[in-house]
Amino acid sequence: DDGESALEEGDEDMSIGEITVEFTDGDAEISRMDLTLVDTQGTTEDPWDVFETISLWVDGDKVAEMDANDEDEYLDEDAGEIRFSDLGLIGEEDEQLDIVVAASVQNNVDADALGEWTLTVTSMRFFDADGVATTEDDIEDLGNETITFDVEEAGEDEELNISLSSSDPDATDIIVDTDSDTNDVTLMVA
């Protein structure tokens, strides 16, 4: 499922998607999950130049985090693929396990990297109650979902409105001295 539709520079631990997992015929333990982060604008921007961290959350608790700003942390740099290992997440039979994927965005992201990104689950490895490991990497079986979200410039939708007030000073001289600080100068009154 979709998370936040837009993240801004400097945002921390913002939900970019939610993965719902349900096991039938017994409990299972998710040990590994692979995700891809892809810039859809055709500018071939690298995710490590945009994201600070990517984390997984269950029931409001952070269960895993990786440094997304380090190119060497990516399983497949060209595909923007990251791997979370040793998760130990238990999914009980016929019960939904909701895993939130969250991102922290770097400050001062290049303009080319702003815009639309996608998140896709590409692989999941789990163990059944007998300890048999299964790696599911068929996108159709994983739900074939690609989540889309935007990375925006900080303050993009904010605006500052300034208007004159009868309490504003008519004129002010500000004397600047390189050897001392200038404090408490009134330019406008709110």
C-alpha atoms as a PDB file:
ATOM      1  CA  ASP A   1       0.000   0.000   0.000  1.00  0.00           C
ATOM      2  CA  ASP A   2       1.049   3.596  -0.508  1.00  0.00           C
ATOM      3  CA  GLY A   3       2.620   5.608   2.279  1.00  0.00           C
ATOM      4  CA  GLU A   4       3.154   9.361   2.155  1.00  0.00           C
ATOM      5  CA  SER A   5       2.700  10.647  -1.380  1.00  0.00           C
ATOM      6  CA  ALA A   6       5.424  13.281  -0.968  1.00  0.00           C
ATOM      7  CA  LEU A   7       8.572  13.597   1.127  1.00  0.00           C
ATOM      8  CA  GLU A   8      10.615  16.764   1.514  1.00  0.00           C
ATOM      9  CA  GLU A   9      14.336  17.259   1.895  1.00  0.00           C
ATOM     10  CA  GLY A  10      15.298  16.655   5.515  1.00  0.00           C
ATOM     11  CA  ASP A  11      12.227  14.513   6.354  1.00  0.00           C
ATOM     12  CA  GLU A  12      13.015  11.647   8.742  1.00  0.00           C
ATOM     13  CA  ASP A  13      11.437   8.191   9.004  1.00  0.00           C
ATOM     14  CA  MET A  14       8.519   9.009   6.706  1.00  0.00           C
ATOM     15  CA  SER A  15       6.395   6.090   5.501  1.00  0.00           C
ATOM     16  CA  ILE A  16       6.834   5.465   1.771  1.00  0.00           C
ATOM     17  CA  GLY A  17       4.925   2.197   1.683  1.00  0.00           C
ATOM     18  CA  GLU A  18       3.314  -0.603   3.663  1.00  0.00           C
ATOM     19  CA  ILE A  19       3.825  -4.283   2.947  1.00  0.00           C
ATOM     20  CA  THR A  20       1.162  -6.699   4.165  1.00  0.00           C
ATOM     21  CA  VAL A  21       2.266 -10.330   4.483  1.00  0.00           C
ATOM     22  CA  GLU A  22       0.010 -13.273   5.308  1.00  0.00           C
ATOM     23  CA  PHE A  23       1.113 -16.902   5.590  1.00  0.00           C
ATOM     24  CA  THR A  24      -1.230 -19.868   5.198  1.00  0.00           C
ATOM     25  CA  ASP A  25      -0.649 -23.438   6.412  1.00  0.00           C
ATOM     26  CA  GLY A  26       1.491 -22.407   9.390  1.00  0.00           C
ATOM     27  CA  ASP A  27       3.608 -19.681  10.939  1.00  0.00           C
ATOM     28  CA  ALA A  28       6.750 -18.421   9.214  1.00  0.00           C
ATOM     29  CA  GLU A  29       9.756 -16.238   9.963  1.00  0.00           C
ATOM     30  CA  ILE A  30      10.804 -13.600   7.444  1.00  0.00           C
ATOM     31  CA  SER A  31      14.580 -13.476   7.442  1.00  0.00           C
ATOM     32  CA  ARG A  32      15.344 -11.307   4.424  1.00  0.00           C
ATOM     33  CA  MET A  33      13.676  -8.723   2.200  1.00  0.00           C
ATOM     34  CA  ASP A  34      14.994  -6.973  -0.924  1.00  0.00           C
ATOM     35  CA  LEU A  35      13.584  -3.635  -2.099  1.00  0.00           C
ATOM     36  CA  THR A  36      14.367  -1.346  -5.026  1.00  0.00           C
ATOM     37  CA  LEU A  37      14.265   2.450  -5.120  1.00  0.00           C
ATOM     38  CA  VAL A  38      14.134   3.833  -8.655  1.00  0.00           C
ATOM     39  CA  ASP A  39      14.045   7.371 -10.028  1.00  0.00           C
ATOM     40  CA  THR A  40      11.261   7.354 -12.649  1.00  0.00           C
ATOM     41  CA  GLN A  41      12.154  10.652 -14.322  1.00  0.00           C
ATOM     42  CA  GLY A  42      14.788   9.194 -16.596  1.00  0.00           C
ATOM     43  CA  THR A  43      17.560  11.268 -15.048  1.00  0.00           C
ATOM     44  CA  THR A  44      19.228   8.100 -13.691  1.00  0.00           C
ATOM     45  CA  GLU A  45      19.760   9.682 -10.300  1.00  0.00           C
ATOM     46  CA  ASP A  46      21.209   7.354  -7.678  1.00  0.00           C
ATOM     47  CA  PRO A  47      19.207   6.684  -4.505  1.00  0.00           C
ATOM     48  CA  TRP A  48      22.313   7.107  -2.316  1.00  0.00           C
ATOM     49  CA  ASP A  49      22.382  10.780  -3.408  1.00  0.00           C
ATOM     50  CA  VAL A  50      18.803  11.269  -2.191  1.00  0.00           C
ATOM     51  CA  PHE A  51      18.051   9.038   0.819  1.00  0.00           C
ATOM     52  CA  GLU A  52      19.802   9.072   4.174  1.00  0.00           C
ATOM     53  CA  THR A  53      18.272   5.872   5.582  1.00  0.00           C
ATOM     54  CA  ILE A  54      15.642   3.286   4.702  1.00  0.00           C
ATOM     55  CA  SER A  55      14.007   1.469   7.619  1.00  0.00           C
ATOM     56  CA  LEU A  56      11.396  -1.194   8.346  1.00  0.00           C
ATOM     57  CA  TRP A  57       8.801  -0.759  11.097  1.00  0.00           C
ATOM     58  CA  VAL A  58       6.358  -3.222  12.694  1.00  0.00           C
ATOM     59  CA  ASP A  59       3.708  -2.075  15.189  1.00  0.00           C
ATOM     60  CA  GLY A  60       5.400   1.320  15.530  1.00  0.00           C
ATOM     61  CA  ASP A  61       8.835  -0.156  16.312  1.00  0.00           C
ATOM     62  CA  LYS A  62      11.845   0.193  14.028  1.00  0.00           C
ATOM     63  CA  VAL A  63      13.038  -3.375  13.360  1.00  0.00           C
ATOM     64  CA  ALA A  64      15.736  -2.694  10.744  1.00  0.00           C
ATOM     65  CA  GLU A  65      17.581   0.247   9.209  1.00  0.00           C
ATOM     66  CA  MET A  66      20.252   0.677   6.573  1.00  0.00           C
ATOM     67  CA  ASP A  67      22.418   3.581   5.490  1.00  0.00           C
ATOM     68  CA  ALA A  68      20.897   4.405   2.136  1.00  0.00           C
ATOM     69  CA  ASN A  69      23.456   7.168   1.526  1.00  0.00           C
ATOM     70  CA  ASP A  70      26.300   4.658   1.106  1.00  0.00           C
ATOM     71  CA  GLU A  71      26.611   3.227  -2.412  1.00  0.00           C
ATOM     72  CA  ASP A  72      28.426   0.178  -1.029  1.00  0.00           C
ATOM     73  CA  GLU A  73      25.372  -0.815   1.032  1.00  0.00           C
ATOM     74  CA  TYR A  74      23.327  -1.565  -2.096  1.00  0.00           C
ATOM     75  CA  LEU A  75      22.920  -5.161  -3.227  1.00  0.00           C
ATOM     76  CA  ASP A  76      22.647  -4.031  -6.853  1.00  0.00           C
ATOM     77  CA  GLU A  77      23.732  -0.422  -7.383  1.00  0.00           C
ATOM     78  CA  ASP A  78      22.449  -0.271 -10.958  1.00  0.00           C
ATOM     79  CA  ALA A  79      18.949  -1.372  -9.923  1.00  0.00           C
ATOM     80  CA  GLY A  80      18.834   0.625  -6.653  1.00  0.00           C
ATOM     81  CA  GLU A  81      18.313  -2.645  -4.766  1.00  0.00           C
ATOM     82  CA  ILE A  82      18.832  -2.856  -1.015  1.00  0.00           C
ATOM     83  CA  ARG A  83      18.714  -5.921   1.240  1.00  0.00           C
ATOM     84  CA  PHE A  84      17.514  -6.248   4.812  1.00  0.00           C
ATOM     85  CA  SER A  85      18.930  -9.435   6.373  1.00  0.00           C
ATOM     86  CA  ASP A  86      18.458 -11.222   9.716  1.00  0.00           C
ATOM     87  CA  LEU A  87      15.014  -9.704  10.208  1.00  0.00           C
ATOM     88  CA  GLY A  88      13.469 -12.415  12.397  1.00  0.00           C
ATOM     89  CA  LEU A  89       9.915 -11.179  11.744  1.00  0.00           C
ATOM     90  CA  ILE A  90       7.293 -13.756  12.742  1.00  0.00           C
ATOM     91  CA  GLY A  91       4.134 -14.025  10.695  1.00  0.00           C
ATOM     92  CA  GLU A  92       1.442 -16.096  12.356  1.00  0.00           C
ATOM     93  CA  GLU A  93      -0.777 -18.357  10.268  1.00  0.00           C
ATOM     94  CA  ASP A  94      -3.706 -16.517   8.615  1.00  0.00           C
ATOM     95  CA  GLU A  95      -2.796 -13.244  10.386  1.00  0.00           C
ATOM     96  CA  GLN A  96      -1.672 -10.151   8.528  1.00  0.00           C
ATOM     97  CA  LEU A  97       1.771  -8.781   9.324  1.00  0.00           C
ATOM     98  CA  ASP A  98       2.088  -5.108   8.326  1.00  0.00           C
ATOM     99  CA  ILE A  99       5.613  -3.871   7.599  1.00  0.00           C
ATOM    100  CA  VAL A 100       6.053  -0.132   7.026  1.00  0.00           C
ATOM    101  CA  VAL A 101       8.941   0.993   4.828  1.00  0.00           C
ATOM    102  CA  ALA A 102      10.181   4.439   5.874  1.00  0.00           C
ATOM    103  CA  ALA A 103      12.745   6.793   4.390  1.00  0.00           C
ATOM    104  CA  SER A 104      14.819   9.703   5.637  1.00  0.00           C
ATOM    105  CA  VAL A 105      15.703  12.184   2.899  1.00  0.00           C
ATOM    106  CA  GLN A 106      18.996  14.042   2.715  1.00  0.00           C
ATOM    107  CA  ASN A 107      19.131  17.834   2.870  1.00  0.00           C
ATOM    108  CA  ASN A 108      19.999  19.742  -0.319  1.00  0.00           C
ATOM    109  CA  VAL A 109      19.044  17.065  -2.843  1.00  0.00           C
ATOM    110  CA  ASP A 110      20.091  17.888  -6.421  1.00  0.00           C
ATOM    111  CA  ALA A 111      17.252  19.330  -8.487  1.00  0.00           C
ATOM    112  CA  ASP A 112      17.519  16.433 -10.982  1.00  0.00           C
ATOM    113  CA  ALA A 113      16.777  13.939  -8.197  1.00  0.00           C
ATOM    114  CA  LEU A 114      13.609  15.699  -7.053  1.00  0.00           C
ATOM    115  CA  GLY A 115      10.380  14.250  -8.392  1.00  0.00           C
ATOM    116  CA  GLU A 116       8.881  10.782  -8.679  1.00  0.00           C
ATOM    117  CA  TRP A 117      10.472   7.630  -7.206  1.00  0.00           C
ATOM    118  CA  THR A 118       9.189   4.060  -6.938  1.00  0.00           C
ATOM    119  CA  LEU A 119       9.513   1.389  -4.257  1.00  0.00           C
ATOM    120  CA  THR A 120       9.155  -2.306  -5.143  1.00  0.00           C
ATOM    121  CA  VAL A 121       9.592  -5.502  -3.109  1.00  0.00           C
ATOM    122  CA  THR A 122      11.755  -7.731  -5.314  1.00  0.00           C
ATOM    123  CA  SER A 123      12.447 -10.691  -3.020  1.00  0.00           C
ATOM    124  CA  MET A 124      11.505 -12.161   0.356  1.00  0.00           C
ATOM    125  CA  ARG A 125      13.096 -15.126   2.146  1.00  0.00           C
ATOM    126  CA  PHE A 126      11.263 -16.914   4.947  1.00  0.00           C
ATOM    127  CA  PHE A 127      11.453 -20.108   7.001  1.00  0.00           C
ATOM    128  CA  ASP A 128       8.423 -22.268   7.795  1.00  0.00           C
ATOM    129  CA  ALA A 129       7.858 -23.984  11.161  1.00  0.00           C
ATOM    130  CA  ASP A 130       9.970 -26.974  10.031  1.00  0.00           C
ATOM    131  CA  GLY A 131      12.910 -24.693   9.203  1.00  0.00           C
ATOM    132  CA  VAL A 132      12.524 -25.035   5.432  1.00  0.00           C
ATOM    133  CA  ALA A 133      13.681 -21.867   3.659  1.00  0.00           C
ATOM    134  CA  THR A 134      11.782 -20.390   0.725  1.00  0.00           C
ATOM    135  CA  THR A 135      12.899 -17.416  -1.335  1.00  0.00           C
ATOM    136  CA  GLU A 136      10.045 -15.740  -3.143  1.00  0.00           C
ATOM    137  CA  ASP A 137      11.303 -13.562  -5.979  1.00  0.00           C
ATOM    138  CA  ASP A 138       8.431 -13.833  -8.440  1.00  0.00           C
ATOM    139  CA  ILE A 139       7.034 -10.305  -8.648  1.00  0.00           C
ATOM    140  CA  GLU A 140       3.560 -11.665  -9.454  1.00  0.00           C
ATOM    141  CA  ASP A 141       3.545 -13.743  -6.239  1.00  0.00           C
ATOM    142  CA  LEU A 142       4.823 -10.757  -4.269  1.00  0.00           C
ATOM    143  CA  GLY A 143       1.775  -8.744  -5.307  1.00  0.00           C
ATOM    144  CA  ASN A 144       3.248  -7.025  -8.372  1.00  0.00           C
ATOM    145  CA  GLU A 145       2.906  -3.672  -6.595  1.00  0.00           C
ATOM    146  CA  THR A 146       5.072  -0.671  -7.297  1.00  0.00           C
ATOM    147  CA  ILE A 147       4.569   2.194  -4.887  1.00  0.00           C
ATOM    148  CA  THR A 148       5.079   5.710  -6.201  1.00  0.00           C
ATOM    149  CA  PHE A 149       6.041   8.757  -4.137  1.00  0.00           C
ATOM    150  CA  ASP A 150       7.621  12.169  -4.732  1.00  0.00           C
ATOM    151  CA  VAL A 151      10.729  13.738  -3.251  1.00  0.00           C
ATOM    152  CA  GLU A 152      10.284  17.512  -3.102  1.00  0.00           C
ATOM    153  CA  GLU A 153      12.329  20.548  -2.226  1.00  0.00           C
ATOM    154  CA  ALA A 154      11.920  21.544   1.426  1.00  0.00           C
ATOM    155  CA  GLY A 155       9.148  24.112   1.798  1.00  0.00           C
ATOM    156  CA  GLU A 156       7.941  23.669  -1.780  1.00  0.00           C
ATOM    157  CA  ASP A 157       4.257  24.126  -0.915  1.00  0.00           C
ATOM    158  CA  GLU A 158       4.809  26.790   1.747  1.00  0.00           C
ATOM    159  CA  GLU A 159       4.515  30.501   1.181  1.00  0.00           C
ATOM    160  CA  LEU A 160       5.364  33.641   3.073  1.00  0.00           C
ATOM    161  CA  ASN A 161       2.875  36.488   2.913  1.00  0.00           C
ATOM    162  CA  ILE A 162       4.131  39.946   3.887  1.00  0.00           C
ATOM    163  CA  SER A 163       1.930  43.005   4.230  1.00  0.00           C
ATOM    164  CA  LEU A 164       2.433  46.485   5.627  1.00  0.00           C
ATOM    165  CA  SER A 165       1.140  47.481   9.030  1.00  0.00           C
ATOM    166  CA  SER A 166       0.473  50.915  10.524  1.00  0.00           C
ATOM    167  CA  SER A 167       2.836  49.855  13.340  1.00  0.00           C
ATOM    168  CA  ASP A 168       5.790  49.438  10.957  1.00  0.00           C
ATOM    169  CA  PRO A 169       8.546  52.037  11.428  1.00  0.00           C
ATOM    170  CA  ASP A 170       8.622  54.758   8.748  1.00  0.00           C
ATOM    171  CA  ALA A 171      12.381  54.526   8.296  1.00  0.00           C
ATOM    172  CA  THR A 172      15.278  52.822  10.002  1.00  0.00           C
ATOM    173  CA  ASP A 173      19.007  53.156   9.680  1.00  0.00           C
ATOM    174  CA  ILE A 174      20.958  50.028  10.498  1.00  0.00           C
ATOM    175  CA  ILE A 175      24.538  50.741  11.443  1.00  0.00           C
ATOM    176  CA  VAL A 176      26.780  47.793  10.667  1.00  0.00           C
ATOM    177  CA  ASP A 177      30.054  47.404  12.516  1.00  0.00           C
ATOM    178  CA  THR A 178      32.485  44.592  11.696  1.00  0.00           C
ATOM    179  CA  ASP A 179      33.690  44.483  15.318  1.00  0.00           C
ATOM    180  CA  SER A 180      30.347  44.069  17.108  1.00  0.00           C
ATOM    181  CA  ASP A 181      26.920  42.473  16.688  1.00  0.00           C
ATOM    182  CA  THR A 182      23.838  44.442  15.727  1.00  0.00           C
ATOM    183  CA  ASN A 183      20.831  43.332  17.771  1.00  0.00           C
ATOM    184  CA  ASP A 184      17.119  44.086  18.012  1.00  0.00           C
ATOM    185  CA  VAL A 185      16.437  45.989  14.805  1.00  0.00           C
ATOM    186  CA  THR A 186      12.706  46.290  14.012  1.00  0.00           C
ATOM    187  CA  LEU A 187      11.957  46.141  10.318  1.00  0.00           C
ATOM    188  CA  MET A 188       8.304  45.141  10.396  1.00  0.00           C
ATOM    189  CA  VAL A 189       5.717  44.477  13.062  1.00  0.00           C
ATOM    190  CA  ALA A 190       3.612  41.317  12.956  1.00  0.00           C
END
